[in-house]
Amino acid sequence: MIQNLGEQNEFRALHESRHVVQKLMIPDAVINNEQDLFFHRRGMAGFDQNSGNFYALPRAEIRFDSYFNAFPSYAFDLQPSNRLEVHVATRGKCIFELILVRPNQSRQHLFHTILDADGTTKIIEVPQVPLEGLIYARFVAIDDLTIRSIDYVIAGAVRNKIRMTGVITTFKRNDAVQKTAKRLEDYFAANLDLRDDFNLLVIDNGGDTDSIGFSNGRVIKNSNYGGAGGFTRGLLETVKDRTSTHVLFMDDDAVFFPETLRRTMAILRYAADPALAISGSMITESHKWRMWEASATFNRRCMPIHNGRDLRQFPEVVATSQIGSMENRYGGWWYFCFPIAATKTWPFPFFVRGDDICFSLANDFRILNVPGIASHQEDFFAKQSPMTVYLDMRYHLVAHLMFERLELSKADLHDMMRGYFDRFNDAYHYESAEALLMAMEDVLKGERFWEDNLDMAQRRADLAALTVEEKLITPWNLP
């Protein structure tokens, strides 16, 4: 069924019990402009950067079967009283379809009609059938077609009232923090329905961020206890404030579409499980079509889920939407949103790497990863140094010593440590191999070592003195 939205008063009344849960994402040269992650086309169709609209010329086709713009209906715990609607604002005559795609099943056509629109919004009610998959819109232009917006809207009562505090821990990356704050300010200025449901804390461990350009945010100066110390401080401040239901941990160098926040909050509003946590995927900066991980598991090493998938290919996107129970699953803190009420064990703020793994393993979150909720970062290998190798070895050992389900025999623990040592030593990375030995020795010192080295000042100095040949360098920019 299609409805027209008429006068403004009728529009407002109609939307009192409706929530926009997903809007279109458009290519952005700063964040990601890999077009196949936003839409696919046949013929003369695409995205017009000047107008900010999508278009299709006669007989052309444009489809939103894409990583950022397919709708993950499977992620919503809808009640019988809820209805899913698609609000489409177009100009021109076209064939319009809604298609449901599920892993390992044939596609289901949910809706098919001819639209002849003058730019006003039309409402399409999605049939109340099991929607355990991804939904996308398809347009075939009959006349010149302009697509202004495609909003997925849920009518009816929400399960949960959600208010989120975002926490960014930063160390001397003020420029990156300011850019994120500006993007958030611009987004919420244009999306007032969400503005009161989100605020931001920037925990400054480095001393060079004094303020941010986001009106619902503030900066807190903190001693440099690494990422875990900063995130713990942010969680502490949020709990003291008593206004938020969820906390979102974000890296200071992570780049994401602010629309991601709407999608995260929307899933949580309808979630039946109070322990649901949303883990944002990581897409590499070097190849913005490539999945690094859609969360991960840990046992002796980190094992990224869906690593290497080509997100330009929609079957690869559909594959990432499969839900399954996985042992020792964790969400990376470049984008990890979790419920405060379900947090029984707080972060262990004694080291700055692997803290996200231990936090997820220590709490009984149900971690969900959803296409379209992601951040973009440098590959981990681009940041590798004796310092990161030292920290990696420490958290591997700590995790296996802390959690009973990860307990290893003496022989298995030896094999794990030996394997990491040989990897670097045999590659002539002797400084990294030495850093591994330092990590093993420090863990063996017991709990007193952690208490005496909260800020890691001495160990950071030791590792800096050790690192001569394996320092990170900036690549040459060859003409």
Protein backbone atom coordinates (compact mmCIF):
# COMPACT_ATOMS: atom_id res chain seq x y z
CA MET A 1 0.00 0.00 0.00
CA ILE A 2 1.22 3.52 -0.85
CA GLN A 3 0.26 6.67 1.02
CA ASN A 4 0.98 10.32 0.18
CA LEU A 5 2.10 12.66 2.92
CA GLY A 6 -0.03 15.78 2.55
CA GLU A 7 -0.13 18.87 4.67
CA GLN A 8 2.45 19.54 7.36
CA ASN A 9 0.03 18.98 10.27
CA GLU A 10 -0.98 15.60 8.86
CA PHE A 11 2.71 14.69 8.43
CA ARG A 12 3.48 15.59 12.05
CA ALA A 13 0.52 13.64 13.42
CA LEU A 14 1.40 10.64 11.32
CA HIS A 15 4.94 10.57 12.67
CA GLU A 16 4.17 10.83 16.39
CA SER A 17 4.49 7.05 16.80
CA ARG A 18 7.07 6.55 14.07
CA HIS A 19 10.85 6.41 14.26
CA VAL A 20 13.21 6.84 11.34
CA VAL A 21 15.65 3.98 11.85
CA GLN A 22 17.75 4.34 8.70
CA LYS A 23 18.45 7.05 6.16
CA LEU A 24 20.47 6.89 2.98
CA MET A 25 24.21 7.24 3.27
CA ILE A 26 25.86 9.09 0.40
CA PRO A 27 29.46 8.83 -0.84
CA ASP A 28 31.86 11.14 1.00
CA ALA A 29 35.35 11.90 -0.28
CA VAL A 30 36.73 12.12 3.28
CA ILE A 31 35.07 9.07 4.82
CA ASN A 32 34.37 6.68 1.96
CA ASN A 33 33.38 7.24 -1.67
CA GLU A 34 33.60 3.71 -3.05
CA GLN A 35 30.36 3.94 -5.05
CA ASP A 36 29.65 0.21 -5.01
CA LEU A 37 29.38 0.37 -1.23
CA PHE A 38 26.40 2.75 -1.63
CA PHE A 39 24.57 1.69 -4.80
CA HIS A 40 24.77 -0.34 -7.98
CA ARG A 41 23.57 0.78 -11.39
CA ARG A 42 22.86 -0.24 -14.95
CA GLY A 43 22.87 2.49 -17.58
CA MET A 44 22.97 6.24 -16.97
CA ALA A 45 22.43 6.43 -13.21
CA GLY A 46 24.42 7.44 -10.17
CA PHE A 47 24.95 10.02 -7.45
CA ASP A 48 25.03 13.77 -8.18
CA GLN A 49 27.46 15.42 -5.75
CA ASN A 50 26.22 18.92 -6.52
CA SER A 51 22.61 18.24 -5.54
CA GLY A 52 23.26 15.42 -3.08
CA ASN A 53 20.64 13.31 -4.87
CA PHE A 54 20.70 10.02 -6.72
CA TYR A 55 19.46 9.97 -10.31
CA ALA A 56 18.58 7.67 -13.18
CA LEU A 57 17.90 8.61 -16.80
CA PRO A 58 15.18 6.81 -18.79
CA ARG A 59 15.59 2.99 -18.89
CA ALA A 60 18.47 3.11 -16.40
CA GLU A 61 18.41 1.14 -13.16
CA ILE A 62 19.74 2.07 -9.73
CA ARG A 63 19.75 -0.39 -6.83
CA PHE A 64 20.64 0.08 -3.18
CA ASP A 65 21.77 -3.51 -2.66
CA SER A 66 24.91 -2.27 -0.96
CA TYR A 67 26.88 -2.39 2.27
CA PHE A 68 25.84 1.06 3.49
CA ASN A 69 22.28 1.26 2.16
CA ALA A 70 20.65 -2.15 2.40
CA PHE A 71 18.36 -2.29 5.44
CA PRO A 72 19.30 -5.00 8.03
CA SER A 73 15.78 -6.00 9.01
CA TYR A 74 17.10 -9.13 10.72
CA ALA A 75 18.73 -6.97 13.41
CA PHE A 76 15.41 -5.56 14.71
CA ASP A 77 13.32 -7.35 17.33
CA LEU A 78 9.95 -6.06 16.17
CA GLN A 79 6.77 -6.68 18.12
CA PRO A 80 3.42 -7.68 16.52
CA SER A 81 2.24 -4.09 16.88
CA ASN A 82 5.22 -2.72 14.91
CA ARG A 83 5.10 -2.09 11.17
CA LEU A 84 7.99 -1.41 8.83
CA GLU A 85 7.51 1.36 6.29
CA VAL A 86 9.71 2.80 3.56
CA HIS A 87 9.33 6.55 2.97
CA VAL A 88 10.50 7.46 -0.52
CA ALA A 89 10.94 10.99 -1.86
CA THR A 90 11.40 10.96 -5.64
CA ARG A 91 10.65 13.09 -8.68
CA GLY A 92 9.78 11.39 -11.96
CA LYS A 93 8.17 8.19 -13.13
CA CYS A 94 9.77 4.82 -12.34
CA ILE A 95 9.29 1.19 -11.49
CA PHE A 96 9.92 0.72 -7.77
CA GLU A 97 10.65 -2.54 -5.97
CA LEU A 98 11.53 -3.69 -2.46
CA ILE A 99 13.51 -6.93 -2.36
CA LEU A 100 14.41 -9.14 0.62
CA VAL A 101 17.67 -11.11 0.51
CA ARG A 102 18.54 -13.87 2.98
CA PRO A 103 21.69 -15.97 3.20
CA ASN A 104 21.45 -19.17 1.15
CA GLN A 105 17.87 -18.48 0.00
CA SER A 106 16.21 -17.08 -3.10
CA ARG A 107 15.28 -13.41 -3.18
CA GLN A 108 11.76 -12.39 -2.19
CA HIS A 109 9.99 -9.47 -3.87
CA LEU A 110 8.17 -7.62 -1.11
CA PHE A 111 6.68 -4.80 -3.19
CA HIS A 112 6.42 -3.75 -6.84
CA THR A 113 4.69 -0.71 -8.32
CA ILE A 114 4.97 2.22 -10.72
CA LEU A 115 5.71 5.48 -8.94
CA ASP A 116 4.90 8.79 -10.58
CA ALA A 117 6.03 11.35 -8.02
CA ASP A 118 6.42 15.10 -7.91
CA GLY A 119 9.00 15.17 -5.12
CA THR A 120 6.62 14.58 -2.24
CA THR A 121 7.18 11.67 0.14
CA LYS A 122 5.29 8.43 -0.43
CA ILE A 123 4.89 5.75 2.23
CA ILE A 124 5.19 2.09 1.31
CA GLU A 125 4.04 -0.39 3.93
CA VAL A 126 6.23 -3.50 3.97
CA PRO A 127 4.22 -6.75 4.17
CA GLN A 128 4.26 -8.34 7.60
CA VAL A 129 6.25 -11.41 6.65
CA PRO A 130 9.43 -12.75 8.31
CA LEU A 131 12.10 -10.19 7.46
CA GLU A 132 15.17 -12.17 8.49
CA GLY A 133 17.55 -10.67 5.99
CA LEU A 134 18.52 -7.50 4.15
CA ILE A 135 16.02 -5.30 2.29
CA TYR A 136 16.96 -3.03 -0.58
CA ALA A 137 15.16 -0.66 -2.96
CA ARG A 138 15.40 -0.93 -6.75
CA PHE A 139 14.38 1.77 -9.25
CA VAL A 140 14.05 1.54 -13.03
CA ALA A 141 13.54 4.98 -14.54
CA ILE A 142 10.71 5.52 -17.04
CA ASP A 143 11.31 9.28 -17.18
CA ASP A 144 14.18 11.30 -15.71
CA LEU A 145 14.28 10.23 -12.07
CA THR A 146 15.64 11.98 -9.00
CA ILE A 147 15.82 10.17 -5.64
CA ARG A 148 16.04 12.56 -2.70
CA SER A 149 15.64 10.14 0.20
CA ILE A 150 14.78 6.61 1.24
CA ASP A 151 13.92 6.38 4.93
CA TYR A 152 13.18 3.14 6.72
CA VAL A 153 10.61 3.85 9.43
CA ILE A 154 9.16 1.69 12.19
CA ALA A 155 5.66 2.50 13.39
CA GLY A 156 4.44 1.53 16.83
CA ALA A 157 5.90 1.41 20.31
CA VAL A 158 9.62 1.02 21.02
CA ARG A 159 10.85 -1.48 23.59
CA ASN A 160 13.55 0.67 25.19
CA LYS A 161 14.35 4.31 25.78
CA ILE A 162 17.93 4.79 24.64
CA ARG A 163 20.37 7.56 25.49
CA MET A 164 23.98 7.16 24.47
CA THR A 165 27.26 8.70 25.62
CA GLY A 166 30.11 8.48 23.16
CA VAL A 167 33.59 8.26 24.69
CA ILE A 168 36.75 9.07 22.75
CA THR A 169 40.11 8.56 24.39
CA THR A 170 42.78 10.66 22.72
CA PHE A 171 46.52 11.13 23.00
CA LYS A 172 47.89 14.04 20.97
CA ARG A 173 45.48 13.63 18.06
CA ASN A 174 43.62 16.88 18.46
CA ASP A 175 43.11 17.41 14.72
CA ALA A 176 41.35 14.06 14.33
CA VAL A 177 39.16 14.70 17.38
CA GLN A 178 38.13 18.13 16.11
CA LYS A 179 37.16 16.71 12.73
CA THR A 180 34.98 14.07 14.38
CA ALA A 181 33.34 16.69 16.62
CA LYS A 182 32.59 18.89 13.59
CA ARG A 183 31.02 16.01 11.68
CA LEU A 184 28.84 15.19 14.70
CA GLU A 185 27.79 18.83 15.16
CA ASP A 186 26.77 19.13 11.50
CA TYR A 187 24.90 15.83 11.60
CA PHE A 188 22.86 16.53 14.72
CA ALA A 189 22.03 20.04 13.54
CA ALA A 190 20.30 18.37 10.59
CA ASN A 191 18.84 15.46 12.61
CA LEU A 192 17.17 17.09 15.58
CA ASP A 193 15.13 13.96 16.41
CA LEU A 194 18.33 12.38 17.78
CA ARG A 195 20.13 15.37 19.27
CA ASP A 196 18.93 14.93 22.87
CA ASP A 197 19.78 11.22 22.83
CA PHE A 198 23.55 11.58 22.33
CA ASN A 199 26.38 13.35 24.10
CA LEU A 200 30.14 13.07 23.79
CA LEU A 201 33.01 12.83 26.27
CA VAL A 202 36.57 13.31 25.05
CA ILE A 203 39.09 11.94 27.54
CA ASP A 204 42.33 13.81 26.88
CA ASN A 205 45.36 11.75 27.90
CA GLY A 206 47.81 13.87 25.94
CA GLY A 207 47.07 17.39 27.14
CA ASP A 208 46.52 19.06 23.76
CA THR A 209 42.69 18.94 23.48
CA ASP A 210 41.04 21.66 25.56
CA SER A 211 37.63 21.97 23.88
CA ILE A 212 35.63 20.48 21.01
CA GLY A 213 33.24 21.94 18.47
CA PHE A 214 30.28 19.83 19.53
CA SER A 215 27.62 21.46 21.66
CA ASN A 216 26.60 18.22 23.42
CA GLY A 217 30.18 17.36 24.35
CA ARG A 218 32.92 18.15 26.82
CA VAL A 219 36.59 17.42 27.39
CA ILE A 220 37.94 15.73 30.52
CA LYS A 221 41.64 15.94 31.29
CA ASN A 222 43.09 12.62 32.41
CA SER A 223 46.43 11.16 33.43
CA ASN A 224 47.93 9.04 30.66
CA TYR A 225 46.88 5.54 31.66
CA GLY A 226 46.51 4.52 28.04
CA GLY A 227 43.37 3.73 26.12
CA ALA A 228 41.87 1.50 28.80
CA GLY A 229 42.42 4.14 31.48
CA GLY A 230 40.75 6.78 29.33
CA PHE A 231 37.77 4.62 28.45
CA THR A 232 37.34 3.60 32.08
CA ARG A 233 37.30 7.27 33.06
CA GLY A 234 34.64 7.91 30.42
CA LEU A 235 32.51 5.03 31.71
CA LEU A 236 32.93 6.31 35.27
CA GLU A 237 31.79 9.82 34.31
CA THR A 238 28.82 8.43 32.39
CA VAL A 239 27.66 6.28 35.29
CA LYS A 240 27.99 9.26 37.67
CA ASP A 241 25.86 11.37 35.32
CA ARG A 242 23.01 8.79 35.40
CA THR A 243 21.37 9.96 32.17
CA SER A 244 22.64 7.42 29.63
CA THR A 245 21.67 3.81 29.07
CA HIS A 246 24.57 2.94 26.75
CA VAL A 247 28.20 3.89 26.24
CA LEU A 248 29.92 3.97 22.86
CA PHE A 249 33.71 3.61 22.90
CA MET A 250 35.43 5.13 19.83
CA ASP A 251 39.08 5.50 18.81
CA ASP A 252 40.33 9.03 18.27
CA ASP A 253 41.56 8.18 14.77
CA ALA A 254 38.45 6.25 13.69
CA VAL A 255 36.43 7.83 10.88
CA PHE A 256 32.75 6.91 10.53
CA PHE A 257 29.52 8.22 9.04
CA PRO A 258 27.49 9.96 11.78
CA GLU A 259 24.39 8.23 10.36
CA THR A 260 25.90 5.14 11.99
CA LEU A 261 24.72 6.52 15.35
CA ARG A 262 21.07 6.58 14.22
CA ARG A 263 21.31 2.97 13.12
CA THR A 264 22.97 1.88 16.36
CA MET A 265 20.39 3.60 18.57
CA ALA A 266 17.52 2.30 16.43
CA ILE A 267 18.52 -1.36 16.81
CA LEU A 268 18.89 -0.89 20.57
CA ARG A 269 15.46 0.78 20.86
CA TYR A 270 13.77 -2.38 19.62
CA ALA A 271 16.16 -4.92 21.17
CA ALA A 272 14.56 -7.70 23.22
CA ASP A 273 17.88 -8.66 24.83
CA PRO A 274 19.04 -6.14 27.47
CA ALA A 275 22.62 -7.39 27.04
CA LEU A 276 22.80 -6.55 23.33
CA ALA A 277 25.98 -4.73 22.30
CA ILE A 278 26.74 -3.33 18.83
CA SER A 279 30.21 -3.89 17.43
CA GLY A 280 31.16 -1.70 14.49
CA SER A 281 33.12 -3.32 11.69
CA MET A 282 36.53 -2.04 10.67
CA ILE A 283 37.16 -1.11 7.04
CA THR A 284 40.73 -0.41 6.03
CA GLU A 285 41.81 3.10 5.05
CA SER A 286 44.05 1.75 2.31
CA HIS A 287 41.25 -0.20 0.59
CA LYS A 288 37.88 1.25 1.54
CA TRP A 289 36.02 -1.63 -0.07
CA ARG A 290 37.73 -4.26 2.06
CA MET A 291 36.48 -5.65 5.36
CA TRP A 292 39.14 -6.00 8.01
CA GLU A 293 36.84 -7.52 10.58
CA ALA A 294 33.19 -7.73 11.55
CA SER A 295 34.12 -8.25 15.21
CA ALA A 296 36.53 -11.08 16.06
CA THR A 297 37.21 -14.04 18.31
CA PHE A 298 40.21 -14.68 20.55
CA ASN A 299 42.03 -17.88 21.50
CA ARG A 300 45.84 -17.75 21.43
CA ARG A 301 45.46 -15.13 18.72
CA CYS A 302 42.93 -12.68 17.33
CA MET A 303 40.80 -14.12 14.53
CA PRO A 304 38.92 -11.44 12.55
CA ILE A 305 35.47 -12.46 11.36
CA HIS A 306 34.81 -11.93 7.62
CA ASN A 307 38.35 -10.64 7.10
CA GLY A 308 39.10 -9.68 3.48
CA ARG A 309 35.55 -9.69 2.10
CA ASP A 310 35.02 -7.42 -0.89
CA LEU A 311 32.13 -5.20 0.20
CA ARG A 312 31.55 -3.99 -3.36
CA GLN A 313 29.96 -7.38 -4.02
CA PHE A 314 26.49 -7.69 -2.50
CA PRO A 315 26.71 -11.49 -1.93
CA GLU A 316 29.75 -10.75 0.25
CA VAL A 317 27.68 -8.19 2.19
CA VAL A 318 24.89 -10.73 2.66
CA ALA A 319 27.44 -13.19 4.02
CA THR A 320 28.46 -10.71 6.75
CA SER A 321 24.85 -10.54 7.96
CA GLN A 322 24.75 -14.15 9.13
CA ILE A 323 24.24 -14.47 12.86
CA GLY A 324 25.84 -17.29 14.78
CA SER A 325 27.06 -18.00 18.27
CA MET A 326 30.83 -17.72 18.50
CA GLU A 327 33.01 -18.49 21.47
CA ASN A 328 35.24 -15.76 22.88
CA ARG A 329 33.82 -13.08 20.60
CA TYR A 330 34.78 -9.47 21.19
CA GLY A 331 34.17 -6.04 19.70
CA GLY A 332 36.95 -3.60 18.91
CA TRP A 333 36.92 -0.26 20.67
CA TRP A 334 37.14 1.72 17.45
CA TYR A 335 33.31 1.44 17.67
CA PHE A 336 31.73 -0.58 20.46
CA CYS A 337 28.36 0.30 22.03
CA PHE A 338 27.28 -1.59 25.14
CA PRO A 339 24.55 -1.35 27.83
CA ILE A 340 25.66 0.05 31.18
CA ALA A 341 23.21 -2.15 33.11
CA ALA A 342 24.74 -5.33 31.68
CA THR A 343 28.31 -4.28 32.45
CA LYS A 344 29.39 -6.36 35.43
CA THR A 345 33.16 -6.08 35.00
CA TRP A 346 34.78 -2.79 34.09
CA PRO A 347 37.84 -2.41 31.85
CA PHE A 348 41.15 -3.40 33.39
CA PRO A 349 43.09 -0.14 32.94
CA PHE A 350 46.65 -1.39 33.16
CA PHE A 351 47.54 -1.77 29.51
CA VAL A 352 46.56 -0.02 26.31
CA ARG A 353 46.18 -2.94 23.93
CA GLY A 354 43.87 -5.92 24.19
CA ASP A 355 41.66 -4.06 26.67
CA ASP A 356 38.69 -4.44 24.33
CA ILE A 357 39.19 -8.21 24.16
CA CYS A 358 39.28 -8.65 27.94
CA PHE A 359 36.28 -6.33 28.39
CA SER A 360 34.08 -8.33 26.03
CA LEU A 361 35.20 -11.66 27.46
CA ALA A 362 34.59 -10.50 31.04
CA ASN A 363 31.01 -9.41 30.34
CA ASP A 364 28.12 -11.48 29.05
CA PHE A 365 27.22 -9.20 26.15
CA ARG A 366 25.42 -10.54 23.09
CA ILE A 367 27.52 -8.92 20.41
CA LEU A 368 25.83 -8.02 17.12
CA ASN A 369 27.57 -6.80 13.99
CA VAL A 370 25.47 -5.12 11.29
CA PRO A 371 26.28 -4.10 7.69
CA GLY A 372 26.52 -0.32 7.45
CA ILE A 373 27.80 0.20 11.01
CA ALA A 374 31.54 0.57 10.56
CA SER A 375 34.56 2.80 11.02
CA HIS A 376 37.61 3.30 8.84
CA GLN A 377 41.15 2.98 10.17
CA GLU A 378 44.69 2.22 9.20
CA ASP A 379 45.63 -1.44 8.90
CA PHE A 380 47.02 -2.74 12.19
CA PHE A 381 50.19 -3.86 10.44
CA ALA A 382 50.89 -0.23 9.50
CA LYS A 383 51.16 0.60 13.22
CA GLN A 384 53.34 -2.33 14.29
CA SER A 385 56.42 -1.56 16.38
CA PRO A 386 58.28 -3.13 19.32
CA MET A 387 55.89 -1.19 21.59
CA THR A 388 52.78 -2.76 20.06
CA VAL A 389 54.47 -6.18 19.98
CA TYR A 390 55.24 -5.85 23.71
CA LEU A 391 51.64 -4.90 24.49
CA ASP A 392 50.28 -7.69 22.28
CA MET A 393 52.26 -10.32 24.15
CA ARG A 394 51.14 -8.95 27.52
CA TYR A 395 47.45 -9.06 26.77
CA HIS A 396 47.69 -12.51 25.20
CA LEU A 397 49.20 -13.84 28.40
CA VAL A 398 46.85 -11.90 30.67
CA ALA A 399 43.75 -13.13 28.82
CA HIS A 400 44.85 -16.75 29.10
CA LEU A 401 45.66 -16.33 32.78
CA MET A 402 42.42 -14.48 33.63
CA PHE A 403 39.70 -16.55 31.98
CA GLU A 404 39.09 -20.18 32.84
CA ARG A 405 37.71 -20.98 29.40
CA LEU A 406 41.01 -19.81 27.90
CA GLU A 407 43.22 -21.72 30.32
CA LEU A 408 46.20 -23.36 28.61
CA SER A 409 48.51 -26.10 29.76
CA LYS A 410 52.12 -25.20 30.46
CA ALA A 411 53.15 -26.79 27.15
CA ASP A 412 50.48 -24.94 25.15
CA LEU A 413 51.37 -21.62 26.80
CA HIS A 414 55.02 -22.22 25.97
CA ASP A 415 54.15 -23.05 22.36
CA MET A 416 52.12 -19.86 22.00
CA MET A 417 54.94 -17.66 23.35
CA ARG A 418 57.56 -19.51 21.32
CA GLY A 419 55.52 -19.12 18.15
CA TYR A 420 55.30 -15.34 18.54
CA PHE A 421 59.00 -15.07 19.42
CA ASP A 422 60.10 -17.14 16.42
CA ARG A 423 57.92 -15.08 14.10
CA PHE A 424 59.94 -11.95 14.82
CA ASN A 425 63.32 -13.46 15.66
CA ASP A 426 63.43 -15.53 12.47
CA ALA A 427 62.53 -12.44 10.43
CA TYR A 428 65.52 -10.55 11.92
CA HIS A 429 63.21 -8.25 13.88
CA TYR A 430 65.40 -8.58 16.94
CA GLU A 431 64.08 -5.47 18.69
CA SER A 432 60.52 -6.81 18.51
CA ALA A 433 61.72 -10.21 19.71
CA GLU A 434 63.39 -8.49 22.68
CA ALA A 435 60.16 -6.60 23.40
CA LEU A 436 58.32 -9.94 23.53
CA LEU A 437 60.77 -11.23 26.15
CA MET A 438 60.25 -8.06 28.21
CA ALA A 439 56.48 -8.63 28.12
CA MET A 440 56.83 -12.21 29.33
CA GLU A 441 59.10 -11.14 32.19
CA ASP A 442 56.72 -8.36 33.25
CA VAL A 443 53.68 -10.64 33.39
CA LEU A 444 55.66 -13.09 35.55
CA LYS A 445 56.26 -10.32 38.12
CA GLY A 446 52.63 -10.58 39.22
CA GLU A 447 50.06 -8.03 40.28
CA ARG A 448 52.56 -5.65 41.87
CA PHE A 449 54.01 -4.88 38.43
CA TRP A 450 50.65 -3.55 37.21
CA GLU A 451 50.17 -1.37 40.28
CA ASP A 452 53.64 0.11 39.93
CA ASN A 453 53.31 0.75 36.19
CA LEU A 454 49.88 2.27 35.70
CA ASP A 455 51.16 4.92 33.29
CA MET A 456 53.78 2.67 31.68
CA ALA A 457 56.23 5.58 31.82
CA GLN A 458 59.30 3.47 32.60
CA ARG A 459 58.43 0.71 30.16
CA ARG A 460 57.67 3.23 27.40
CA ALA A 461 61.10 4.76 27.97
CA ASP A 462 62.75 1.32 27.93
CA LEU A 463 61.03 0.39 24.68
CA ALA A 464 61.87 3.73 23.10
CA ALA A 465 65.55 3.18 23.92
CA LEU A 466 65.34 -0.35 22.51
CA THR A 467 63.76 0.75 19.23
CA VAL A 468 66.44 1.89 16.80
CA GLU A 469 66.06 -0.05 13.54
CA GLU A 470 62.33 -0.77 13.76
CA LYS A 471 60.93 2.71 14.21
CA LEU A 472 57.76 3.58 12.30
CA ILE A 473 58.54 5.86 9.39
CA THR A 474 56.38 7.95 7.10
CA PRO A 475 56.40 6.50 3.57
CA TRP A 476 57.76 8.64 0.78
CA ASN A 477 55.20 10.36 -1.41
CA LEU A 478 56.69 9.71 -4.81
CA PRO A 479 55.49 11.91 -7.71
